[in-house]
Amino acid sequence: MNLLNYDSPLIQFLNKVTDLFILNLLCLICCIPIITIGPALTAKYDVAMRIVRKEEPTVFKPFFKAFKSNFKQAMIIWMILLGACLLLCMDWTWIYENGMLDIPAGYFAATVFVTTIVLFIIMTIFPIIARFKVTVKEAFKTSALFSMLYFYSLIPIIVLMFGTVFLCIKYIRFLPLVLVFSHVVIVFCHCLVLQRGFTKLEKQFGASEEESEESEPVEEKV
């Protein structure tokens, strides 16, 4: 088997890595205004899950299509989560300034608990609205349920995220290489967990987003 053949496993793997790298770069650029982080993450996971399933040969067109189609809902959800993140930042700043030993144990435990919930929701809610047609309320409920059902599967993803931060600090000379490799690995592993759970959720919400998109060309031809 010729490893340099386009259909060879090596070339297919490199193509997938390249697509995920470009996708992460697109997402990062679209996150610069801060308020567009929600739509950018939604578009990122919409395309990433297609890449993992080997369904999407391109990145740019599907990304901006998903960015536009989910913009309003993703923006509303992100504004809610951004408010929660700002409040949590204030809590952690206060804890840091006063010292953990002088903070009531109950307050510290509550802050850790809420931070964990918000982190898991951010990890799951944007892929959910990218995949399913749900309301904002349904998105939050589904995200919370998904996080509980796949808690132990999502923990390694969080470990990888914190591990990336550690590696970036320790090997700052190789920062670009660390970021490229780690982000590709994190997105790929995250999508594998999401895909496993979404297969079951499709039975509840019916047709997935990708199925509705596939019907669009048919409508245009009529």
N, C-alpha and C. Protein backbone atom coordinates (compact mmCIF):
# COMPACT_ATOMS: atom_id res chain seq x y z
N MET A 1 0.85 -1.21 0.00
CA MET A 1 0.00 0.00 0.00
C MET A 1 0.88 1.25 0.00
N ASN A 2 0.57 2.18 -0.91
CA ASN A 2 1.32 3.42 -1.00
C ASN A 2 0.82 4.39 0.07
N LEU A 3 1.69 4.72 1.04
CA LEU A 3 1.28 5.58 2.14
C LEU A 3 0.99 7.00 1.69
N LEU A 4 1.54 7.40 0.53
CA LEU A 4 1.33 8.76 0.03
C LEU A 4 0.11 8.86 -0.87
N ASN A 5 -0.58 7.74 -1.06
CA ASN A 5 -1.82 7.73 -1.83
C ASN A 5 -2.86 8.57 -1.09
N TYR A 6 -3.73 9.29 -1.80
CA TYR A 6 -4.71 10.16 -1.15
C TYR A 6 -5.66 9.37 -0.26
N ASP A 7 -5.96 8.15 -0.65
CA ASP A 7 -6.91 7.32 0.12
C ASP A 7 -6.25 6.51 1.22
N SER A 8 -4.94 6.65 1.37
CA SER A 8 -4.24 5.89 2.40
C SER A 8 -4.60 6.41 3.79
N PRO A 9 -4.55 5.56 4.82
CA PRO A 9 -4.88 5.97 6.19
C PRO A 9 -4.04 7.14 6.67
N LEU A 10 -2.76 7.19 6.28
CA LEU A 10 -1.88 8.26 6.71
C LEU A 10 -2.34 9.61 6.17
N ILE A 11 -2.62 9.66 4.87
CA ILE A 11 -3.05 10.91 4.24
C ILE A 11 -4.41 11.34 4.78
N GLN A 12 -5.31 10.37 4.97
CA GLN A 12 -6.63 10.69 5.52
C GLN A 12 -6.51 11.25 6.93
N PHE A 13 -5.60 10.70 7.72
CA PHE A 13 -5.37 11.18 9.08
C PHE A 13 -4.81 12.60 9.06
N LEU A 14 -3.82 12.84 8.19
CA LEU A 14 -3.22 14.17 8.09
C LEU A 14 -4.24 15.20 7.61
N ASN A 15 -5.11 14.79 6.69
CA ASN A 15 -6.16 15.69 6.21
C ASN A 15 -7.11 16.08 7.34
N LYS A 16 -7.44 15.08 8.16
CA LYS A 16 -8.36 15.33 9.28
C LYS A 16 -7.71 16.26 10.30
N VAL A 17 -6.43 16.04 10.58
CA VAL A 17 -5.70 16.91 11.51
C VAL A 17 -5.64 18.33 10.97
N THR A 18 -5.38 18.47 9.68
CA THR A 18 -5.31 19.79 9.06
C THR A 18 -6.66 20.50 9.12
N ASP A 19 -7.73 19.76 8.84
CA ASP A 19 -9.08 20.35 8.89
C ASP A 19 -9.42 20.82 10.30
N LEU A 20 -9.09 20.01 11.29
CA LEU A 20 -9.37 20.39 12.67
C LEU A 20 -8.54 21.60 13.10
N PHE A 21 -7.31 21.67 12.61
CA PHE A 21 -6.46 22.83 12.91
C PHE A 21 -7.05 24.10 12.31
N ILE A 22 -7.46 24.03 11.04
CA ILE A 22 -8.07 25.18 10.38
C ILE A 22 -9.36 25.58 11.08
N LEU A 23 -10.12 24.58 11.50
CA LEU A 23 -11.38 24.83 12.21
C LEU A 23 -11.14 25.57 13.52
N ASN A 24 -10.14 25.12 14.28
CA ASN A 24 -9.80 25.79 15.53
C ASN A 24 -9.36 27.23 15.29
N LEU A 25 -8.62 27.43 14.20
CA LEU A 25 -8.14 28.78 13.87
C LEU A 25 -9.32 29.69 13.51
N LEU A 26 -10.26 29.17 12.73
CA LEU A 26 -11.44 29.93 12.36
C LEU A 26 -12.25 30.31 13.60
N CYS A 27 -12.41 29.33 14.49
CA CYS A 27 -13.16 29.56 15.72
C CYS A 27 -12.49 30.64 16.57
N LEU A 28 -11.17 30.56 16.67
CA LEU A 28 -10.42 31.55 17.46
C LEU A 28 -10.59 32.95 16.91
N ILE A 29 -10.53 33.09 15.60
CA ILE A 29 -10.69 34.40 14.97
C ILE A 29 -12.09 34.96 15.23
N CYS A 30 -13.10 34.09 15.12
CA CYS A 30 -14.48 34.53 15.31
C CYS A 30 -14.81 34.78 16.78
N CYS A 31 -13.94 34.32 17.69
CA CYS A 31 -14.16 34.55 19.12
C CYS A 31 -13.58 35.87 19.60
N ILE A 32 -12.82 36.55 18.75
CA ILE A 32 -12.13 37.78 19.15
C ILE A 32 -13.08 38.85 19.69
N PRO A 33 -14.27 39.04 19.10
CA PRO A 33 -15.17 40.06 19.65
C PRO A 33 -15.77 39.69 21.02
N ILE A 34 -15.48 38.51 21.54
CA ILE A 34 -15.97 38.03 22.84
C ILE A 34 -17.45 37.67 22.79
N ILE A 35 -18.30 38.59 22.34
CA ILE A 35 -19.73 38.32 22.35
C ILE A 35 -20.13 37.27 21.30
N THR A 36 -19.24 36.97 20.37
CA THR A 36 -19.54 35.98 19.33
C THR A 36 -18.94 34.61 19.65
N ILE A 37 -18.47 34.43 20.87
CA ILE A 37 -17.88 33.14 21.25
C ILE A 37 -18.91 32.02 21.12
N GLY A 38 -20.14 32.27 21.54
CA GLY A 38 -21.19 31.25 21.47
C GLY A 38 -21.42 30.75 20.05
N PRO A 39 -21.73 31.64 19.10
CA PRO A 39 -21.91 31.20 17.72
C PRO A 39 -20.66 30.53 17.13
N ALA A 40 -19.47 31.02 17.51
CA ALA A 40 -18.23 30.44 17.00
C ALA A 40 -18.04 29.01 17.49
N LEU A 41 -18.31 28.77 18.78
CA LEU A 41 -18.19 27.41 19.33
C LEU A 41 -19.23 26.48 18.72
N THR A 42 -20.43 27.00 18.50
CA THR A 42 -21.49 26.19 17.88
C THR A 42 -21.08 25.76 16.48
N ALA A 43 -20.58 26.70 15.70
CA ALA A 43 -20.14 26.38 14.34
C ALA A 43 -18.95 25.41 14.36
N LYS A 44 -18.07 25.61 15.32
CA LYS A 44 -16.89 24.75 15.44
C LYS A 44 -17.29 23.30 15.66
N TYR A 45 -18.19 23.07 16.61
CA TYR A 45 -18.58 21.69 16.91
C TYR A 45 -19.49 21.11 15.85
N ASP A 46 -20.24 21.94 15.17
CA ASP A 46 -21.06 21.45 14.06
C ASP A 46 -20.17 20.81 13.00
N VAL A 47 -19.11 21.53 12.62
CA VAL A 47 -18.21 21.03 11.58
C VAL A 47 -17.30 19.93 12.12
N ALA A 48 -16.82 20.07 13.35
CA ALA A 48 -15.91 19.07 13.93
C ALA A 48 -16.57 17.69 14.00
N MET A 49 -17.83 17.65 14.41
CA MET A 49 -18.52 16.37 14.50
C MET A 49 -18.72 15.75 13.12
N ARG A 50 -18.90 16.59 12.10
CA ARG A 50 -18.99 16.07 10.74
C ARG A 50 -17.65 15.52 10.26
N ILE A 51 -16.58 16.20 10.64
CA ILE A 51 -15.24 15.73 10.25
C ILE A 51 -14.95 14.39 10.90
N VAL A 52 -15.29 14.26 12.18
CA VAL A 52 -15.06 13.00 12.90
C VAL A 52 -15.87 11.87 12.27
N ARG A 53 -17.09 12.19 11.79
CA ARG A 53 -17.93 11.18 11.16
C ARG A 53 -17.58 10.98 9.68
N LYS A 54 -16.58 11.72 9.20
CA LYS A 54 -16.14 11.64 7.81
C LYS A 54 -17.25 12.03 6.85
N GLU A 55 -18.02 13.06 7.22
CA GLU A 55 -19.15 13.49 6.40
C GLU A 55 -18.91 14.83 5.73
N GLU A 56 -17.93 15.60 6.18
CA GLU A 56 -17.74 16.95 5.66
C GLU A 56 -16.36 17.11 5.01
N PRO A 57 -16.31 17.26 3.67
CA PRO A 57 -15.02 17.37 2.99
C PRO A 57 -14.39 18.75 3.08
N THR A 58 -15.17 19.78 3.44
CA THR A 58 -14.64 21.13 3.52
C THR A 58 -14.89 21.71 4.92
N VAL A 59 -14.28 22.87 5.18
CA VAL A 59 -14.39 23.48 6.51
C VAL A 59 -15.03 24.87 6.45
N PHE A 60 -14.56 25.72 5.55
CA PHE A 60 -14.95 27.12 5.55
C PHE A 60 -16.45 27.33 5.33
N LYS A 61 -17.01 26.78 4.27
CA LYS A 61 -18.42 27.01 3.94
C LYS A 61 -19.34 26.46 5.04
N PRO A 62 -19.17 25.20 5.49
CA PRO A 62 -20.04 24.69 6.57
C PRO A 62 -19.90 25.48 7.87
N PHE A 63 -18.68 25.96 8.16
CA PHE A 63 -18.47 26.71 9.40
C PHE A 63 -19.28 27.99 9.41
N PHE A 64 -19.17 28.78 8.35
CA PHE A 64 -19.87 30.07 8.32
C PHE A 64 -21.38 29.87 8.14
N LYS A 65 -21.76 28.77 7.52
CA LYS A 65 -23.19 28.47 7.41
C LYS A 65 -23.77 28.16 8.78
N ALA A 66 -23.06 27.34 9.57
CA ALA A 66 -23.50 27.02 10.92
C ALA A 66 -23.43 28.25 11.82
N PHE A 67 -22.42 29.07 11.64
CA PHE A 67 -22.25 30.30 12.42
C PHE A 67 -23.46 31.22 12.22
N LYS A 68 -23.91 31.34 10.98
CA LYS A 68 -25.03 32.22 10.66
C LYS A 68 -26.36 31.64 11.12
N SER A 69 -26.58 30.35 10.87
CA SER A 69 -27.88 29.73 11.16
C SER A 69 -28.14 29.61 12.66
N ASN A 70 -27.09 29.48 13.47
CA ASN A 70 -27.28 29.32 14.92
C ASN A 70 -26.93 30.59 15.70
N PHE A 71 -26.72 31.70 14.98
CA PHE A 71 -26.19 32.90 15.61
C PHE A 71 -27.07 33.42 16.75
N LYS A 72 -28.35 33.62 16.51
CA LYS A 72 -29.23 34.23 17.50
C LYS A 72 -29.33 33.39 18.77
N GLN A 73 -29.61 32.10 18.61
CA GLN A 73 -29.76 31.23 19.77
C GLN A 73 -28.46 31.08 20.54
N ALA A 74 -27.37 30.88 19.81
CA ALA A 74 -26.07 30.73 20.46
C ALA A 74 -25.65 32.00 21.18
N MET A 75 -26.02 33.15 20.62
CA MET A 75 -25.69 34.43 21.25
C MET A 75 -26.43 34.59 22.57
N ILE A 76 -27.73 34.25 22.58
CA ILE A 76 -28.52 34.35 23.81
C ILE A 76 -27.94 33.46 24.90
N ILE A 77 -27.63 32.23 24.53
CA ILE A 77 -27.08 31.28 25.49
C ILE A 77 -25.72 31.75 26.01
N TRP A 78 -24.89 32.27 25.10
CA TRP A 78 -23.56 32.73 25.52
C TRP A 78 -23.66 33.93 26.45
N MET A 79 -24.60 34.84 26.22
CA MET A 79 -24.77 36.00 27.09
C MET A 79 -25.13 35.55 28.52
N ILE A 80 -25.97 34.53 28.62
CA ILE A 80 -26.33 33.98 29.93
C ILE A 80 -25.11 33.37 30.61
N LEU A 81 -24.36 32.58 29.86
CA LEU A 81 -23.18 31.92 30.40
C LEU A 81 -22.06 32.93 30.71
N LEU A 82 -21.95 33.96 29.88
CA LEU A 82 -20.94 34.99 30.12
C LEU A 82 -21.22 35.72 31.43
N GLY A 83 -22.50 36.00 31.68
CA GLY A 83 -22.87 36.61 32.95
C GLY A 83 -22.50 35.73 34.13
N ALA A 84 -22.76 34.42 33.98
CA ALA A 84 -22.40 33.47 35.04
C ALA A 84 -20.89 33.42 35.24
N CYS A 85 -20.14 33.46 34.14
CA CYS A 85 -18.67 33.42 34.22
C CYS A 85 -18.12 34.67 34.91
N LEU A 86 -18.71 35.82 34.62
CA LEU A 86 -18.25 37.06 35.25
C LEU A 86 -18.50 37.03 36.76
N LEU A 87 -19.65 36.53 37.16
CA LEU A 87 -19.94 36.40 38.60
C LEU A 87 -18.98 35.43 39.27
N LEU A 88 -18.67 34.34 38.58
CA LEU A 88 -17.73 33.36 39.13
C LEU A 88 -16.32 33.95 39.23
N CYS A 89 -15.94 34.77 38.26
CA CYS A 89 -14.63 35.43 38.31
C CYS A 89 -14.53 36.34 39.53
N MET A 90 -15.63 37.02 39.82
CA MET A 90 -15.66 37.87 41.00
C MET A 90 -15.52 37.04 42.27
N ASP A 91 -16.20 35.90 42.31
CA ASP A 91 -16.11 35.00 43.47
C ASP A 91 -14.69 34.50 43.67
N TRP A 92 -14.07 34.02 42.58
CA TRP A 92 -12.72 33.47 42.69
C TRP A 92 -11.69 34.56 43.00
N THR A 93 -11.91 35.76 42.50
CA THR A 93 -11.03 36.88 42.83
C THR A 93 -11.10 37.20 44.32
N TRP A 94 -12.32 37.20 44.85
CA TRP A 94 -12.51 37.47 46.28
C TRP A 94 -11.88 36.37 47.13
N ILE A 95 -12.02 35.12 46.69
CA ILE A 95 -11.40 34.00 47.42
C ILE A 95 -9.88 34.13 47.39
N TYR A 96 -9.33 34.47 46.23
CA TYR A 96 -7.88 34.61 46.10
C TYR A 96 -7.34 35.74 46.96
N GLU A 97 -8.05 36.87 46.96
CA GLU A 97 -7.58 38.04 47.72
C GLU A 97 -7.67 37.84 49.23
N ASN A 98 -8.65 37.07 49.66
CA ASN A 98 -8.84 36.86 51.10
C ASN A 98 -8.14 35.61 51.63
N GLY A 99 -7.71 34.73 50.71
CA GLY A 99 -7.04 33.51 51.14
C GLY A 99 -8.04 32.40 51.45
N MET A 100 -7.74 31.22 51.00
CA MET A 100 -8.67 30.11 51.16
C MET A 100 -8.91 29.76 52.63
N LEU A 101 -7.93 29.98 53.48
CA LEU A 101 -8.08 29.63 54.89
C LEU A 101 -9.08 30.54 55.61
N ASP A 102 -9.29 31.74 55.07
CA ASP A 102 -10.22 32.68 55.71
C ASP A 102 -11.60 32.68 55.07
N ILE A 103 -11.81 31.80 54.10
CA ILE A 103 -13.10 31.72 53.42
C ILE A 103 -13.94 30.60 54.03
N PRO A 104 -15.22 30.83 54.29
CA PRO A 104 -16.09 29.77 54.80
C PRO A 104 -16.08 28.56 53.87
N ALA A 105 -15.98 27.38 54.45
CA ALA A 105 -15.89 26.15 53.65
C ALA A 105 -17.11 25.98 52.75
N GLY A 106 -18.28 26.35 53.27
CA GLY A 106 -19.50 26.23 52.49
C GLY A 106 -19.49 27.11 51.25
N TYR A 107 -18.97 28.32 51.41
CA TYR A 107 -18.90 29.27 50.29
C TYR A 107 -17.93 28.75 49.23
N PHE A 108 -16.80 28.25 49.67
CA PHE A 108 -15.80 27.72 48.74
C PHE A 108 -16.36 26.50 47.99
N ALA A 109 -17.02 25.59 48.72
CA ALA A 109 -17.59 24.40 48.10
C ALA A 109 -18.66 24.77 47.08
N ALA A 110 -19.49 25.77 47.43
CA ALA A 110 -20.55 26.20 46.52
C ALA A 110 -19.96 26.80 45.25
N THR A 111 -18.87 27.57 45.40
CA THR A 111 -18.23 28.19 44.23
C THR A 111 -17.63 27.13 43.32
N VAL A 112 -17.00 26.13 43.90
CA VAL A 112 -16.44 25.03 43.11
C VAL A 112 -17.54 24.28 42.39
N PHE A 113 -18.65 24.03 43.08
CA PHE A 113 -19.77 23.29 42.50
C PHE A 113 -20.38 24.04 41.32
N VAL A 114 -20.65 25.33 41.51
CA VAL A 114 -21.25 26.13 40.43
C VAL A 114 -20.28 26.26 39.26
N THR A 115 -19.00 26.43 39.55
CA THR A 115 -17.99 26.53 38.49
C THR A 115 -17.97 25.25 37.65
N THR A 116 -18.06 24.12 38.32
CA THR A 116 -18.07 22.83 37.61
C THR A 116 -19.29 22.71 36.71
N ILE A 117 -20.45 23.12 37.22
CA ILE A 117 -21.68 23.05 36.43
C ILE A 117 -21.57 23.93 35.18
N VAL A 118 -21.10 25.16 35.37
CA VAL A 118 -20.97 26.10 34.25
C VAL A 118 -19.98 25.56 33.21
N LEU A 119 -18.87 24.98 33.67
CA LEU A 119 -17.86 24.43 32.76
C LEU A 119 -18.45 23.29 31.93
N PHE A 120 -19.20 22.39 32.57
CA PHE A 120 -19.79 21.26 31.84
C PHE A 120 -20.85 21.74 30.85
N ILE A 121 -21.61 22.76 31.23
CA ILE A 121 -22.63 23.28 30.33
C ILE A 121 -21.98 23.91 29.10
N ILE A 122 -20.90 24.68 29.31
CA ILE A 122 -20.20 25.28 28.18
C ILE A 122 -19.66 24.20 27.24
N MET A 123 -19.22 23.09 27.81
CA MET A 123 -18.66 22.00 27.00
C MET A 123 -19.71 21.27 26.17
N THR A 124 -20.96 21.29 26.61
CA THR A 124 -21.98 20.46 25.96
C THR A 124 -23.10 21.23 25.28
N ILE A 125 -23.42 22.44 25.75
CA ILE A 125 -24.61 23.11 25.22
C ILE A 125 -24.45 23.58 23.78
N PHE A 126 -23.27 24.03 23.40
CA PHE A 126 -23.08 24.52 22.03
C PHE A 126 -23.07 23.38 21.02
N PRO A 127 -22.44 22.24 21.32
CA PRO A 127 -22.60 21.10 20.42
C PRO A 127 -24.04 20.63 20.31
N ILE A 128 -24.82 20.76 21.39
CA ILE A 128 -26.22 20.33 21.38
C ILE A 128 -27.04 21.19 20.44
N ILE A 129 -26.89 22.52 20.52
CA ILE A 129 -27.68 23.38 19.63
C ILE A 129 -27.18 23.31 18.19
N ALA A 130 -25.93 22.86 18.02
CA ALA A 130 -25.42 22.67 16.67
C ALA A 130 -26.02 21.42 16.03
N ARG A 131 -26.34 20.45 16.87
CA ARG A 131 -26.80 19.15 16.39
C ARG A 131 -28.33 19.03 16.35
N PHE A 132 -29.03 19.68 17.30
CA PHE A 132 -30.47 19.51 17.43
C PHE A 132 -31.21 20.84 17.35
N LYS A 133 -32.46 20.75 16.95
CA LYS A 133 -33.35 21.91 16.96
C LYS A 133 -34.06 21.94 18.31
N VAL A 134 -33.56 22.74 19.22
CA VAL A 134 -34.11 22.84 20.57
C VAL A 134 -34.24 24.31 20.95
N THR A 135 -35.13 24.56 21.92
CA THR A 135 -35.25 25.91 22.45
C THR A 135 -34.10 26.18 23.42
N VAL A 136 -33.97 27.43 23.85
CA VAL A 136 -32.92 27.78 24.80
C VAL A 136 -33.11 26.99 26.10
N LYS A 137 -34.35 26.91 26.58
CA LYS A 137 -34.64 26.18 27.80
C LYS A 137 -34.31 24.71 27.65
N GLU A 138 -34.71 24.12 26.53
CA GLU A 138 -34.42 22.71 26.28
C GLU A 138 -32.92 22.46 26.17
N ALA A 139 -32.20 23.43 25.59
CA ALA A 139 -30.75 23.29 25.44
C ALA A 139 -30.07 23.19 26.80
N PHE A 140 -30.47 24.05 27.74
CA PHE A 140 -29.88 24.01 29.08
C PHE A 140 -30.24 22.71 29.81
N LYS A 141 -31.49 22.29 29.69
CA LYS A 141 -31.92 21.05 30.36
C LYS A 141 -31.19 19.84 29.77
N THR A 142 -31.08 19.80 28.45
CA THR A 142 -30.40 18.68 27.79
C THR A 142 -28.92 18.68 28.13
N SER A 143 -28.32 19.87 28.18
CA SER A 143 -26.91 19.99 28.51
C SER A 143 -26.64 19.47 29.92
N ALA A 144 -27.51 19.84 30.87
CA ALA A 144 -27.34 19.38 32.25
C ALA A 144 -27.50 17.86 32.33
N LEU A 145 -28.50 17.32 31.64
CA LEU A 145 -28.73 15.88 31.65
C LEU A 145 -27.56 15.13 31.00
N PHE A 146 -27.10 15.65 29.86
CA PHE A 146 -25.98 15.02 29.16
C PHE A 146 -24.73 15.02 30.04
N SER A 147 -24.49 16.12 30.73
CA SER A 147 -23.31 16.23 31.60
C SER A 147 -23.35 15.22 32.73
N MET A 148 -24.55 14.97 33.26
CA MET A 148 -24.68 13.99 34.34
C MET A 148 -24.49 12.56 33.82
N LEU A 149 -25.08 12.28 32.66
CA LEU A 149 -25.01 10.92 32.11
C LEU A 149 -23.59 10.56 31.65
N TYR A 150 -22.87 11.56 31.14
CA TYR A 150 -21.53 11.31 30.59
C TYR A 150 -20.47 12.05 31.40
N PHE A 151 -20.72 12.17 32.70
CA PHE A 151 -19.81 12.87 33.59
C PHE A 151 -18.40 12.28 33.53
N TYR A 152 -18.30 10.97 33.68
CA TYR A 152 -16.98 10.32 33.72
C TYR A 152 -16.29 10.33 32.35
N SER A 153 -17.06 10.42 31.28
CA SER A 153 -16.45 10.51 29.95
C SER A 153 -15.94 11.91 29.65
N LEU A 154 -16.57 12.92 30.27
CA LEU A 154 -16.16 14.31 30.04
C LEU A 154 -14.98 14.73 30.92
N ILE A 155 -14.80 14.04 32.05
CA ILE A 155 -13.70 14.37 32.95
C ILE A 155 -12.33 14.31 32.25
N PRO A 156 -12.05 13.25 31.46
CA PRO A 156 -10.75 13.23 30.77
C PRO A 156 -10.56 14.41 29.82
N ILE A 157 -11.65 14.92 29.24
CA ILE A 157 -11.55 16.08 28.35
C ILE A 157 -11.12 17.30 29.15
N ILE A 158 -11.68 17.46 30.34
CA ILE A 158 -11.29 18.57 31.21
C ILE A 158 -9.84 18.44 31.63
N VAL A 159 -9.41 17.21 31.93
CA VAL A 159 -8.01 16.97 32.29
C VAL A 159 -7.09 17.36 31.14
N LEU A 160 -7.50 17.03 29.91
CA LEU A 160 -6.70 17.41 28.74
C LEU A 160 -6.62 18.94 28.60
N MET A 161 -7.72 19.61 28.89
CA MET A 161 -7.73 21.08 28.80
C MET A 161 -6.76 21.70 29.80
N PHE A 162 -6.83 21.24 31.05
CA PHE A 162 -5.92 21.78 32.06
C PHE A 162 -4.48 21.34 31.78
N GLY A 163 -4.34 20.14 31.21
CA GLY A 163 -3.02 19.68 30.83
C GLY A 163 -2.40 20.55 29.76
N THR A 164 -3.25 21.04 28.85
CA THR A 164 -2.78 21.94 27.79
C THR A 164 -2.24 23.24 28.38
N VAL A 165 -2.97 23.78 29.36
CA VAL A 165 -2.53 25.01 30.02
C VAL A 165 -1.17 24.78 30.69
N PHE A 166 -1.02 23.63 31.35
CA PHE A 166 0.25 23.31 32.01
C PHE A 166 1.39 23.20 31.01
N LEU A 167 1.13 22.51 29.89
CA LEU A 167 2.17 22.33 28.87
C LEU A 167 2.54 23.66 28.22
N CYS A 168 1.54 24.53 28.02
CA CYS A 168 1.82 25.83 27.42
C CYS A 168 2.72 26.67 28.31
N ILE A 169 2.52 26.55 29.62
CA ILE A 169 3.35 27.30 30.56
C ILE A 169 4.75 26.71 30.66
N LYS A 170 4.82 25.38 30.72
CA LYS A 170 6.10 24.71 30.90
C LYS A 170 6.95 24.75 29.64
N TYR A 171 6.31 24.58 28.50
CA TYR A 171 7.05 24.55 27.23
C TYR A 171 6.64 25.75 26.38
N ILE A 172 6.80 26.93 26.94
CA ILE A 172 6.35 28.14 26.25
C ILE A 172 7.13 28.38 24.96
N ARG A 173 8.33 27.84 24.87
CA ARG A 173 9.12 27.99 23.64
C ARG A 173 8.47 27.27 22.47
N PHE A 174 7.72 26.21 22.78
CA PHE A 174 7.05 25.42 21.74
C PHE A 174 5.54 25.67 21.77
N LEU A 175 5.14 26.87 22.19
CA LEU A 175 3.72 27.19 22.37
C LEU A 175 2.87 26.90 21.13
N PRO A 176 3.27 27.36 19.93
CA PRO A 176 2.42 27.08 18.75
C PRO A 176 2.22 25.59 18.50
N LEU A 177 3.29 24.81 18.63
CA LEU A 177 3.20 23.37 18.40
C LEU A 177 2.31 22.70 19.44
N VAL A 178 2.46 23.10 20.70
CA VAL A 178 1.65 22.54 21.78
C VAL A 178 0.19 22.85 21.56
N LEU A 179 -0.12 24.09 21.19
CA LEU A 179 -1.50 24.49 20.97
C LEU A 179 -2.14 23.74 19.81
N VAL A 180 -1.40 23.61 18.72
CA VAL A 180 -1.93 22.91 17.55
C VAL A 180 -2.24 21.46 17.89
N PHE A 181 -1.27 20.77 18.47
CA PHE A 181 -1.45 19.35 18.76
C PHE A 181 -2.53 19.12 19.81
N SER A 182 -2.47 19.88 20.91
CA SER A 182 -3.40 19.66 22.02
C SER A 182 -4.84 19.99 21.63
N HIS A 183 -5.05 21.07 20.90
CA HIS A 183 -6.40 21.45 20.52
C HIS A 183 -7.02 20.43 19.58
N VAL A 184 -6.23 19.91 18.66
CA VAL A 184 -6.74 18.88 17.75
C VAL A 184 -7.14 17.63 18.53
N VAL A 185 -6.30 17.22 19.47
CA VAL A 185 -6.59 16.04 20.28
C VAL A 185 -7.84 16.25 21.13
N ILE A 186 -7.94 17.43 21.75
CA ILE A 186 -9.08 17.73 22.62
C ILE A 186 -10.38 17.73 21.83
N VAL A 187 -10.40 18.41 20.70
CA VAL A 187 -11.62 18.49 19.89
C VAL A 187 -12.02 17.11 19.39
N PHE A 188 -11.06 16.33 18.94
CA PHE A 188 -11.35 14.99 18.42
C PHE A 188 -11.94 14.10 19.51
N CYS A 189 -11.30 14.06 20.68
CA CYS A 189 -11.78 13.23 21.79
C CYS A 189 -13.14 13.71 22.30
N HIS A 190 -13.30 15.02 22.36
CA HIS A 190 -14.58 15.59 22.80
C HIS A 190 -15.70 15.19 21.85
N CYS A 191 -15.45 15.25 20.56
CA CYS A 191 -16.47 14.89 19.58
C CYS A 191 -16.83 13.41 19.65
N LEU A 192 -15.88 12.56 19.96
CA LEU A 192 -16.17 11.14 20.12
C LEU A 192 -17.16 10.90 21.26
N VAL A 193 -16.95 11.60 22.38
CA VAL A 193 -17.86 11.50 23.52
C VAL A 193 -19.24 12.04 23.15
N LEU A 194 -19.25 13.18 22.47
CA LEU A 194 -20.52 13.79 22.08
C LEU A 194 -21.30 12.91 21.12
N GLN A 195 -20.61 12.32 20.15
CA GLN A 195 -21.27 11.48 19.17
C GLN A 195 -21.96 10.28 19.82
N ARG A 196 -21.30 9.69 20.79
CA ARG A 196 -21.86 8.53 21.47
C ARG A 196 -23.16 8.89 22.18
N GLY A 197 -23.17 10.05 22.82
CA GLY A 197 -24.38 10.48 23.52
C GLY A 197 -25.45 10.99 22.59
N PHE A 198 -25.06 11.66 21.52
CA PHE A 198 -26.04 12.24 20.61
C PHE A 198 -26.84 11.18 19.86
N THR A 199 -26.25 10.01 19.67
CA THR A 199 -26.97 8.93 19.01
C THR A 199 -28.24 8.59 19.78
N LYS A 200 -28.16 8.64 21.10
CA LYS A 200 -29.33 8.36 21.95
C LYS A 200 -30.28 9.55 21.99
N LEU A 201 -29.74 10.76 21.98
CA LEU A 201 -30.58 11.95 22.04
C LEU A 201 -31.40 12.14 20.78
N GLU A 202 -30.91 11.62 19.65
CA GLU A 202 -31.63 11.77 18.39
C GLU A 202 -33.01 11.12 18.45
N LYS A 203 -33.15 10.09 19.25
CA LYS A 203 -34.44 9.42 19.40
C LYS A 203 -35.45 10.33 20.08
N GLN A 204 -34.95 11.24 20.93
CA GLN A 204 -35.83 12.15 21.66
C GLN A 204 -36.21 13.37 20.83
N PHE A 205 -35.24 13.92 20.11
CA PHE A 205 -35.49 15.15 19.37
C PHE A 205 -35.80 14.93 17.89
N GLY A 206 -35.79 13.68 17.45
CA GLY A 206 -36.14 13.40 16.08
C GLY A 206 -35.00 13.72 15.14
N ALA A 207 -35.32 14.33 14.04
CA ALA A 207 -34.32 14.60 13.01
C ALA A 207 -33.26 15.53 13.54
N SER A 208 -32.03 15.21 13.26
CA SER A 208 -30.92 16.04 13.70
C SER A 208 -30.72 17.20 12.74
N GLU A 209 -29.86 18.11 13.15
CA GLU A 209 -29.59 19.30 12.34
C GLU A 209 -29.04 18.91 10.98
N GLU A 210 -28.20 17.91 10.95
CA GLU A 210 -27.58 17.53 9.68
C GLU A 210 -28.61 16.99 8.71
N GLU A 211 -29.64 16.30 9.22
CA GLU A 211 -30.68 15.74 8.36
C GLU A 211 -31.52 16.85 7.75
N SER A 212 -31.77 17.90 8.55
CA SER A 212 -32.55 19.03 8.05
C SER A 212 -31.77 19.77 6.98
N GLU A 213 -30.45 19.83 7.13
CA GLU A 213 -29.61 20.51 6.15
C GLU A 213 -29.58 19.72 4.86
N GLU A 214 -29.59 18.40 4.97
CA GLU A 214 -29.54 17.56 3.78
C GLU A 214 -30.79 17.72 2.95
N SER A 215 -31.90 18.11 3.58
CA SER A 215 -33.15 18.27 2.86
C SER A 215 -33.23 19.60 2.13
N GLU A 216 -32.36 20.56 2.47
CA GLU A 216 -32.39 21.88 1.87
C GLU A 216 -32.18 21.86 0.35
N PRO A 217 -31.19 21.11 -0.15
CA PRO A 217 -31.01 21.08 -1.61
C PRO A 217 -32.23 20.57 -2.34
N VAL A 218 -32.98 19.63 -1.73
CA VAL A 218 -34.16 19.08 -2.36
C VAL A 218 -35.22 20.17 -2.50
N GLU A 219 -35.36 21.01 -1.45
CA GLU A 219 -36.35 22.08 -1.48
C GLU A 219 -35.98 23.11 -2.53
N GLU A 220 -34.68 23.34 -2.72
CA GLU A 220 -34.25 24.34 -3.67
C GLU A 220 -34.49 23.88 -5.11
N LYS A 221 -34.44 22.59 -5.30
CA LYS A 221 -34.63 22.07 -6.65
C LYS A 221 -36.09 22.09 -7.06
N VAL A 222 -37.02 22.00 -6.09
CA VAL A 222 -38.44 21.95 -6.40
C VAL A 222 -38.91 23.28 -6.98
